[in-house]
PDB file of N, CA and C in Angstrom:
ATOM      1  N   UNK A   1       0.811  -1.162   0.003  1.00  0.00           N
ATOM      2  CA  UNK A   1      -0.044  -0.024  -0.058  1.00  0.00           C
ATOM      3  C   UNK A   1       0.868   1.314  -0.001  1.00  0.00           C
ATOM      4  N   UNK A   2       0.510   2.285  -0.757  1.00  0.00           N
ATOM      5  CA  UNK A   2       1.382   3.474  -0.819  1.00  0.00           C
ATOM      6  C   UNK A   2       1.266   4.277   0.623  1.00  0.00           C
ATOM      7  N   UNK A   3       2.239   4.961   0.926  1.00  0.00           N
ATOM      8  CA  UNK A   3       2.381   5.843   2.032  1.00  0.00           C
ATOM      9  C   UNK A   3       1.170   6.946   1.846  1.00  0.00           C
ATOM     10  N   UNK A   4       1.044   7.467   0.714  1.00  0.00           N
ATOM     11  CA  UNK A   4       0.131   8.597   0.486  1.00  0.00           C
ATOM     12  C   UNK A   4      -0.964   8.133  -0.493  1.00  0.00           C
ATOM     13  N   UNK A   5      -1.886   7.272  -0.199  1.00  0.00           N
ATOM     14  CA  UNK A   5      -2.811   6.652  -1.178  1.00  0.00           C
ATOM     15  C   UNK A   5      -3.728   7.769  -1.933  1.00  0.00           C
ATOM     16  N   UNK A   6      -3.852   8.890  -1.214  1.00  0.00           N
ATOM     17  CA  UNK A   6      -4.638   9.965  -1.744  1.00  0.00           C
ATOM     18  C   UNK A   6      -3.983  10.623  -3.099  1.00  0.00           C
ATOM     19  N   UNK A   7      -2.671  10.361  -3.210  1.00  0.00           N
ATOM     20  CA  UNK A   7      -1.907  10.831  -4.359  1.00  0.00           C
ATOM     21  C   UNK A   7      -2.052   9.677  -5.525  1.00  0.00           C
ATOM     22  N   UNK A   8      -2.559   8.567  -5.215  1.00  0.00           N
ATOM     23  CA  UNK A   8      -2.634   7.513  -6.130  1.00  0.00           C
ATOM     24  C   UNK A   8      -3.982   7.412  -6.934  1.00  0.00           C
ATOM     25  N   UNK A   9      -3.945   6.939  -8.210  1.00  0.00           N
ATOM     26  CA  UNK A   9      -5.228   6.816  -9.040  1.00  0.00           C
ATOM     27  C   UNK A   9      -5.854   5.668  -8.687  1.00  0.00           C
ATOM     28  N   UNK A  10      -5.218   4.698  -8.043  1.00  0.00           N
ATOM     29  CA  UNK A  10      -5.681   3.250  -7.764  1.00  0.00           C
ATOM     30  C   UNK A  10      -5.678   3.161  -6.321  1.00  0.00           C
ATOM     31  N   UNK A  11      -6.373   2.196  -5.804  1.00  0.00           N
ATOM     32  CA  UNK A  11      -6.352   1.711  -4.349  1.00  0.00           C
ATOM     33  C   UNK A  11      -6.056   0.207  -4.326  1.00  0.00           C
ATOM     34  N   UNK A  12      -5.385  -0.073  -3.194  1.00  0.00           N
ATOM     35  CA  UNK A  12      -5.076  -1.455  -3.011  1.00  0.00           C
ATOM     36  C   UNK A  12      -6.251  -2.432  -2.990  1.00  0.00           C
ATOM     37  N   UNK A  13      -5.936  -3.619  -3.349  1.00  0.00           N
ATOM     38  CA  UNK A  13      -7.007  -4.708  -3.358  1.00  0.00           C
ATOM     39  C   UNK A  13      -6.495  -5.959  -2.627  1.00  0.00           C
ATOM     40  N   UNK A  14      -7.431  -6.747  -2.140  1.00  0.00           N
ATOM     41  CA  UNK A  14      -7.047  -7.947  -1.453  1.00  0.00           C
ATOM     42  C   UNK A  14      -7.417  -9.118  -2.415  1.00  0.00           C
ATOM     43  N   UNK A  15      -6.459  -9.999  -2.485  1.00  0.00           N
ATOM     44  CA  UNK A  15      -6.716 -11.187  -3.446  1.00  0.00           C
ATOM     45  C   UNK A  15      -6.814 -12.448  -2.581  1.00  0.00           C
ATOM     46  N   UNK A  16      -7.260 -13.447  -3.078  1.00  0.00           N
ATOM     47  CA  UNK A  16      -7.355 -14.819  -2.451  1.00  0.00           C
ATOM     48  C   UNK A  16      -5.834 -15.401  -2.411  1.00  0.00           C
ATOM     49  N   UNK A  17      -5.504 -16.179  -1.455  1.00  0.00           N
ATOM     50  CA  UNK A  17      -4.301 -16.865  -1.351  1.00  0.00           C
ATOM     51  C   UNK A  17      -4.059 -17.613  -2.701  1.00  0.00           C
ATOM     52  N   UNK A  18      -2.806 -17.361  -3.223  1.00  0.00           N
ATOM     53  CA  UNK A  18      -2.480 -18.189  -4.525  1.00  0.00           C
ATOM     54  C   UNK A  18      -2.813 -17.597  -5.685  1.00  0.00           C
ATOM     55  N   UNK A  19      -3.400 -16.289  -5.615  1.00  0.00           N
ATOM     56  CA  UNK A  19      -3.657 -15.566  -6.823  1.00  0.00           C
ATOM     57  C   UNK A  19      -2.502 -14.996  -7.552  1.00  0.00           C
ATOM     58  N   UNK A  20      -2.626 -14.884  -8.812  1.00  0.00           N
ATOM     59  CA  UNK A  20      -1.594 -14.320  -9.713  1.00  0.00           C
ATOM     60  C   UNK A  20      -2.328 -13.102 -10.478  1.00  0.00           C
ATOM     61  N   UNK A  21      -1.585 -12.050 -10.621  1.00  0.00           N
ATOM     62  CA  UNK A  21      -1.990 -10.820 -11.327  1.00  0.00           C
ATOM     63  C   UNK A  21      -1.098 -10.717 -12.619  1.00  0.00           C
ATOM     64  N   UNK A  22      -1.733 -10.504 -13.660  1.00  0.00           N
ATOM     65  CA  UNK A  22      -0.918 -10.439 -14.925  1.00  0.00           C
ATOM     66  C   UNK A  22      -1.372  -9.160 -15.560  1.00  0.00           C
ATOM     67  N   UNK A  23      -0.401  -8.260 -16.046  1.00  0.00           N
ATOM     68  CA  UNK A  23      -0.702  -7.135 -16.690  1.00  0.00           C
ATOM     69  C   UNK A  23       0.120  -7.055 -17.943  1.00  0.00           C
ATOM     70  N   UNK A  24      -0.567  -6.735 -19.198  1.00  0.00           N
ATOM     71  CA  UNK A  24      -0.083  -6.751 -20.452  1.00  0.00           C
ATOM     72  C   UNK A  24      -0.206  -5.223 -21.058  1.00  0.00           C
ATOM     73  N   UNK A  25       0.994  -4.665 -21.529  1.00  0.00           N
ATOM     74  CA  UNK A  25       0.915  -3.454 -22.113  1.00  0.00           C
ATOM     75  C   UNK A  25       0.335  -3.533 -23.491  1.00  0.00           C
ATOM     76  N   UNK A  26      -0.763  -2.803 -23.818  1.00  0.00           N
ATOM     77  CA  UNK A  26      -1.405  -2.818 -25.070  1.00  0.00           C
ATOM     78  C   UNK A  26      -1.133  -1.423 -25.863  1.00  0.00           C
ATOM     79  N   UNK A  27      -0.627  -0.504 -25.312  1.00  0.00           N
ATOM     80  CA  UNK A  27      -0.555   0.814 -26.005  1.00  0.00           C
ATOM     81  C   UNK A  27       0.914   0.750 -26.679  1.00  0.00           C
ATOM     82  N   UNK A  28       0.765   1.535 -27.732  1.00  0.00           N
ATOM     83  CA  UNK A  28       2.090   1.707 -28.505  1.00  0.00           C
ATOM     84  C   UNK A  28       3.214   2.610 -27.793  1.00  0.00           C
ATOM     85  N   UNK A  29       2.828   3.394 -26.730  1.00  0.00           N
ATOM     86  CA  UNK A  29       3.613   4.231 -26.152  1.00  0.00           C
ATOM     87  C   UNK A  29       4.413   3.583 -24.929  1.00  0.00           C
ATOM     88  N   UNK A  30       3.961   2.380 -24.588  1.00  0.00           N
ATOM     89  CA  UNK A  30       4.625   1.570 -23.664  1.00  0.00           C
ATOM     90  C   UNK A  30       4.129   2.099 -22.096  1.00  0.00           C
ATOM     91  N   UNK A  31       5.028   1.658 -21.289  1.00  0.00           N
ATOM     92  CA  UNK A  31       4.666   1.932 -19.823  1.00  0.00           C
ATOM     93  C   UNK A  31       5.923   1.715 -18.900  1.00  0.00           C
ATOM     94  N   UNK A  32       5.655   1.855 -17.665  1.00  0.00           N
ATOM     95  CA  UNK A  32       6.781   1.727 -16.647  1.00  0.00           C
ATOM     96  C   UNK A  32       6.304   0.949 -15.580  1.00  0.00           C
ATOM     97  N   UNK A  33       7.140   0.076 -15.089  1.00  0.00           N
ATOM     98  CA  UNK A  33       6.745  -0.800 -13.861  1.00  0.00           C
ATOM     99  C   UNK A  33       7.869  -0.369 -12.747  1.00  0.00           C
ATOM    100  N   UNK A  34       7.254  -0.067 -11.484  1.00  0.00           N
ATOM    101  CA  UNK A  34       8.114   0.389 -10.408  1.00  0.00           C
ATOM    102  C   UNK A  34       7.816  -0.399  -9.200  1.00  0.00           C
ATOM    103  N   UNK A  35       8.756  -1.059  -8.540  1.00  0.00           N
ATOM    104  CA  UNK A  35       8.426  -1.713  -7.258  1.00  0.00           C
ATOM    105  C   UNK A  35       8.993  -0.811  -6.124  1.00  0.00           C
ATOM    106  N   UNK A  36       8.383  -1.008  -5.016  1.00  0.00           N
ATOM    107  CA  UNK A  36       8.652  -0.030  -3.849  1.00  0.00           C
ATOM    108  C   UNK A  36      10.229   0.128  -3.637  1.00  0.00           C
ATOM    109  N   UNK A  37      10.668   1.317  -3.937  1.00  0.00           N
ATOM    110  CA  UNK A  37      12.082   1.651  -3.690  1.00  0.00           C
ATOM    111  C   UNK A  37      13.179   1.239  -4.732  1.00  0.00           C
ATOM    112  N   UNK A  38      12.553   0.488  -5.797  1.00  0.00           N
ATOM    113  CA  UNK A  38      13.365   0.061  -6.886  1.00  0.00           C
ATOM    114  C   UNK A  38      13.472   0.904  -8.114  1.00  0.00           C
ATOM    115  N   UNK A  39      14.318   0.802  -8.916  1.00  0.00           N
ATOM    116  CA  UNK A  39      14.469   1.515 -10.243  1.00  0.00           C
ATOM    117  C   UNK A  39      13.216   1.199 -11.018  1.00  0.00           C
ATOM    118  N   UNK A  40      12.810   2.208 -11.701  1.00  0.00           N
ATOM    119  CA  UNK A  40      11.631   1.850 -12.758  1.00  0.00           C
ATOM    120  C   UNK A  40      12.201   1.029 -14.045  1.00  0.00           C
ATOM    121  N   UNK A  41      11.382   0.261 -14.545  1.00  0.00           N
ATOM    122  CA  UNK A  41      11.785  -0.442 -15.706  1.00  0.00           C
ATOM    123  C   UNK A  41      10.779  -0.240 -16.879  1.00  0.00           C
ATOM    124  N   UNK A  42      11.321   0.223 -17.990  1.00  0.00           N
ATOM    125  CA  UNK A  42      10.491   0.681 -19.198  1.00  0.00           C
ATOM    126  C   UNK A  42       9.844  -0.663 -19.811  1.00  0.00           C
ATOM    127  N   UNK A  43       8.610  -0.471 -20.080  1.00  0.00           N
ATOM    128  CA  UNK A  43       7.802  -1.581 -20.705  1.00  0.00           C
ATOM    129  C   UNK A  43       7.387  -1.152 -22.102  1.00  0.00           C
ATOM    130  N   UNK A  44       7.290  -2.070 -22.986  1.00  0.00           N
ATOM    131  CA  UNK A  44       6.932  -1.761 -24.455  1.00  0.00           C
ATOM    132  C   UNK A  44       5.744  -2.577 -24.743  1.00  0.00           C
ATOM    133  N   UNK A  45       5.222  -2.274 -25.891  1.00  0.00           N
ATOM    134  CA  UNK A  45       3.891  -2.870 -26.319  1.00  0.00           C
ATOM    135  C   UNK A  45       4.032  -4.418 -26.284  1.00  0.00           C
ATOM    136  N   UNK A  46       3.094  -5.185 -25.746  1.00  0.00           N
ATOM    137  CA  UNK A  46       2.995  -6.575 -25.476  1.00  0.00           C
ATOM    138  C   UNK A  46       4.070  -7.131 -24.493  1.00  0.00           C
ATOM    139  N   UNK A  47       4.575  -6.293 -23.744  1.00  0.00           N
ATOM    140  CA  UNK A  47       5.433  -6.749 -22.573  1.00  0.00           C
ATOM    141  C   UNK A  47       4.213  -7.221 -21.496  1.00  0.00           C
ATOM    142  N   UNK A  48       4.643  -8.021 -20.627  1.00  0.00           N
ATOM    143  CA  UNK A  48       3.698  -8.631 -19.649  1.00  0.00           C
ATOM    144  C   UNK A  48       4.360  -8.730 -18.214  1.00  0.00           C
ATOM    145  N   UNK A  49       3.819  -8.291 -17.311  1.00  0.00           N
ATOM    146  CA  UNK A  49       4.317  -8.370 -15.886  1.00  0.00           C
ATOM    147  C   UNK A  49       3.412  -9.391 -15.085  1.00  0.00           C
ATOM    148  N   UNK A  50       3.953 -10.342 -14.554  1.00  0.00           N
ATOM    149  CA  UNK A  50       3.146 -11.395 -13.598  1.00  0.00           C
ATOM    150  C   UNK A  50       3.655 -11.270 -12.370  1.00  0.00           C
ATOM    151  N   UNK A  51       2.688 -11.047 -11.472  1.00  0.00           N
ATOM    152  CA  UNK A  51       3.009 -10.998 -10.000  1.00  0.00           C
ATOM    153  C   UNK A  51       2.303 -12.043  -9.207  1.00  0.00           C
ATOM    154  N   UNK A  52       3.030 -12.784  -8.345  1.00  0.00           N
ATOM    155  CA  UNK A  52       2.393 -13.588  -7.426  1.00  0.00           C
ATOM    156  C   UNK A  52       3.169 -13.722  -6.064  1.00  0.00           C
ATOM    157  N   UNK A  53       2.427 -14.173  -5.012  1.00  0.00           N
ATOM    158  CA  UNK A  53       3.096 -14.288  -3.636  1.00  0.00           C
ATOM    159  C   UNK A  53       4.596 -15.060  -3.773  1.00  0.00           C
ATOM    160  N   UNK A  54       5.388 -14.732  -3.010  1.00  0.00           N
ATOM    161  CA  UNK A  54       6.666 -15.468  -2.880  1.00  0.00           C
ATOM    162  C   UNK A  54       6.542 -16.633  -1.933  1.00  0.00           C
ATOM    163  N   UNK A  55       7.240 -17.648  -2.236  1.00  0.00           N
ATOM    164  CA  UNK A  55       7.158 -18.916  -1.359  1.00  0.00           C
ATOM    165  C   UNK A  55       7.996 -18.749  -0.139  1.00  0.00           C
ATOM    166  N   UNK A  56       8.664 -17.708  -0.024  1.00  0.00           N
ATOM    167  CA  UNK A  56       9.506 -17.295   1.050  1.00  0.00           C
ATOM    168  C   UNK A  56       8.784 -16.435   2.130  1.00  0.00           C
ATOM    169  N   UNK A  57       8.959 -16.467   3.297  1.00  0.00           N
ATOM    170  CA  UNK A  57       8.312 -15.822   4.475  1.00  0.00           C
ATOM    171  C   UNK A  57       9.299 -14.987   5.124  1.00  0.00           C
ATOM    172  N   UNK A  58       8.956 -13.730   5.515  1.00  0.00           N
ATOM    173  CA  UNK A  58       9.889 -12.906   6.148  1.00  0.00           C
ATOM    174  C   UNK A  58       9.363 -12.615   7.556  1.00  0.00           C
ATOM    175  N   UNK A  59      10.249 -12.851   8.593  1.00  0.00           N
ATOM    176  CA  UNK A  59       9.772 -12.558   9.834  1.00  0.00           C
ATOM    177  C   UNK A  59      10.533 -11.260  10.361  1.00  0.00           C
ATOM    178  N   UNK A  60       9.695 -10.392  10.899  1.00  0.00           N
ATOM    179  CA  UNK A  60      10.340  -9.145  11.244  1.00  0.00           C
ATOM    180  C   UNK A  60      10.351  -8.889  12.854  1.00  0.00           C
ATOM    181  N   UNK A  61      11.332  -8.240  13.382  1.00  0.00           N
ATOM    182  CA  UNK A  61      11.433  -8.024  14.881  1.00  0.00           C
ATOM    183  C   UNK A  61      11.159  -6.499  14.941  1.00  0.00           C
ATOM    184  N   UNK A  62      10.190  -6.147  15.806  1.00  0.00           N
ATOM    185  CA  UNK A  62      10.036  -4.783  16.101  1.00  0.00           C
ATOM    186  C   UNK A  62      10.698  -4.386  17.332  1.00  0.00           C
ATOM    187  N   UNK A  63      11.503  -3.180  17.309  1.00  0.00           N
ATOM    188  CA  UNK A  63      12.288  -2.809  18.267  1.00  0.00           C
ATOM    189  C   UNK A  63      11.677  -1.396  18.873  1.00  0.00           C
ATOM    190  N   UNK A  64      10.528  -0.844  18.302  1.00  0.00           N
ATOM    191  CA  UNK A  64       9.919   0.398  18.692  1.00  0.00           C
ATOM    192  C   UNK A  64       8.593  -0.039  19.127  1.00  0.00           C
ATOM    193  N   UNK A  65       7.837   0.963  19.522  1.00  0.00           N
ATOM    194  CA  UNK A  65       6.407   0.766  19.808  1.00  0.00           C
ATOM    195  C   UNK A  65       5.551   0.556  18.536  1.00  0.00           C
ATOM    196  N   UNK A  66       4.465   0.003  18.719  1.00  0.00           N
ATOM    197  CA  UNK A  66       3.590  -0.385  17.564  1.00  0.00           C
ATOM    198  C   UNK A  66       3.388   0.839  16.713  1.00  0.00           C
ATOM    199  N   UNK A  67       3.105   1.906  17.173  1.00  0.00           N
ATOM    200  CA  UNK A  67       2.696   3.093  16.329  1.00  0.00           C
ATOM    201  C   UNK A  67       3.996   4.022  15.992  1.00  0.00           C
ATOM    202  N   UNK A  68       5.126   3.481  16.207  1.00  0.00           N
ATOM    203  CA  UNK A  68       6.255   4.253  15.947  1.00  0.00           C
ATOM    204  C   UNK A  68       6.470   4.844  14.643  1.00  0.00           C
ATOM    205  N   UNK A  69       6.200   4.049  13.632  1.00  0.00           N
ATOM    206  CA  UNK A  69       6.450   4.574  12.124  1.00  0.00           C
ATOM    207  C   UNK A  69       5.423   5.644  11.808  1.00  0.00           C
ATOM    208  N   UNK A  70       4.076   5.331  12.104  1.00  0.00           N
ATOM    209  CA  UNK A  70       3.036   6.286  11.789  1.00  0.00           C
ATOM    210  C   UNK A  70       2.984   7.611  12.638  1.00  0.00           C
ATOM    211  N   UNK A  71       3.446   7.532  13.929  1.00  0.00           N
ATOM    212  CA  UNK A  71       3.604   8.696  14.728  1.00  0.00           C
ATOM    213  C   UNK A  71       4.813   9.567  14.184  1.00  0.00           C
ATOM    214  N   UNK A  72       5.792   9.093  13.726  1.00  0.00           N
ATOM    215  CA  UNK A  72       6.799   9.797  13.102  1.00  0.00           C
ATOM    216  C   UNK A  72       6.503  10.353  11.633  1.00  0.00           C
ATOM    217  N   UNK A  73       5.768   9.464  10.945  1.00  0.00           N
ATOM    218  CA  UNK A  73       5.296   9.967   9.668  1.00  0.00           C
ATOM    219  C   UNK A  73       4.331  11.224   9.704  1.00  0.00           C
ATOM    220  N   UNK A  74       3.473  11.056  10.823  1.00  0.00           N
ATOM    221  CA  UNK A  74       2.528  12.304  10.921  1.00  0.00           C
ATOM    222  C   UNK A  74       3.424  13.604  11.297  1.00  0.00           C
ATOM    223  N   UNK A  75       4.510  13.291  12.134  1.00  0.00           N
ATOM    224  CA  UNK A  75       5.223  14.563  12.560  1.00  0.00           C
ATOM    225  C   UNK A  75       5.949  15.164  11.320  1.00  0.00           C
ATOM    226  N   UNK A  76       6.505  14.252  10.509  1.00  0.00           N
ATOM    227  CA  UNK A  76       7.108  14.723   9.205  1.00  0.00           C
ATOM    228  C   UNK A  76       6.127  15.437   8.212  1.00  0.00           C
ATOM    229  N   UNK A  77       4.896  14.891   8.080  1.00  0.00           N
ATOM    230  CA  UNK A  77       3.860  15.416   7.233  1.00  0.00           C
ATOM    231  C   UNK A  77       3.591  16.866   7.829  1.00  0.00           C
ATOM    232  N   UNK A  78       3.533  16.885   9.070  1.00  0.00           N
ATOM    233  CA  UNK A  78       3.035  18.212   9.663  1.00  0.00           C
ATOM    234  C   UNK A  78       4.058  19.399   9.528  1.00  0.00           C
ATOM    235  N   UNK A  79       5.264  18.900   9.193  1.00  0.00           N
ATOM    236  CA  UNK A  79       6.383  19.889   9.020  1.00  0.00           C
ATOM    237  C   UNK A  79       6.376  20.201   7.396  1.00  0.00           C
ATOM    238  N   UNK A  80       5.655  19.575   6.556  1.00  0.00           N
ATOM    239  CA  UNK A  80       5.603  19.881   5.181  1.00  0.00           C
ATOM    240  C   UNK A  80       4.770  21.324   4.904  1.00  0.00           C
ATOM    241  N   UNK A  81       5.582  22.196   4.277  1.00  0.00           N
ATOM    242  CA  UNK A  81       4.801  23.461   4.100  1.00  0.00           C
ATOM    243  C   UNK A  81       3.672  23.326   3.134  1.00  0.00           C
ATOM    244  N   UNK A  82       3.803  22.435   2.128  1.00  0.00           N
ATOM    245  CA  UNK A  82       2.732  22.375   1.173  1.00  0.00           C
ATOM    246  C   UNK A  82       1.394  21.681   1.724  1.00  0.00           C
ATOM    247  N   UNK A  83       1.548  21.235   3.004  1.00  0.00           N
ATOM    248  CA  UNK A  83       0.465  20.524   3.679  1.00  0.00           C
ATOM    249  C   UNK A  83      -0.409  21.359   4.408  1.00  0.00           C
ATOM    250  N   UNK A  84      -0.075  22.811   4.377  1.00  0.00           N
ATOM    251  CA  UNK A  84      -0.870  23.705   5.032  1.00  0.00           C
ATOM    252  C   UNK A  84      -0.619  23.910   6.577  1.00  0.00           C
ATOM    253  N   UNK A  85       0.530  23.199   6.990  1.00  0.00           N
ATOM    254  CA  UNK A  85       0.776  23.375   8.467  1.00  0.00           C
ATOM    255  C   UNK A  85       0.958  24.875   9.057  1.00  0.00           C
ATOM    256  N   UNK A  86       0.443  25.120  10.026  1.00  0.00           N
ATOM    257  CA  UNK A  86       0.677  26.468  10.584  1.00  0.00           C
ATOM    258  C   UNK A  86      -0.414  27.509  10.056  1.00  0.00           C
ATOM    259  N   UNK A  87      -1.339  26.990   9.207  1.00  0.00           N
ATOM    260  CA  UNK A  87      -2.259  28.053   8.490  1.00  0.00           C
ATOM    261  C   UNK A  87      -3.730  27.856   9.212  1.00  0.00           C
TER     262      UNK A  87
END
């Protein structure tokens, strides 16, 4: 899910376990695929991207409080002058 979904034209969806998503570029002007934090990859007509869940599982350890990330994110967003802080 994006950090700022209000800036996105699409919303996240929930799929059944084992689902696969396939997207094919149909336009002549191509497209771009970008994974979170990775470099974008140019796509051309008839290129196809297939996405499915990995067979690998990641276990994470939390060293901060449960709301640590969101609490700090809100503080940073409050400092953004374009967000209208202080007005």
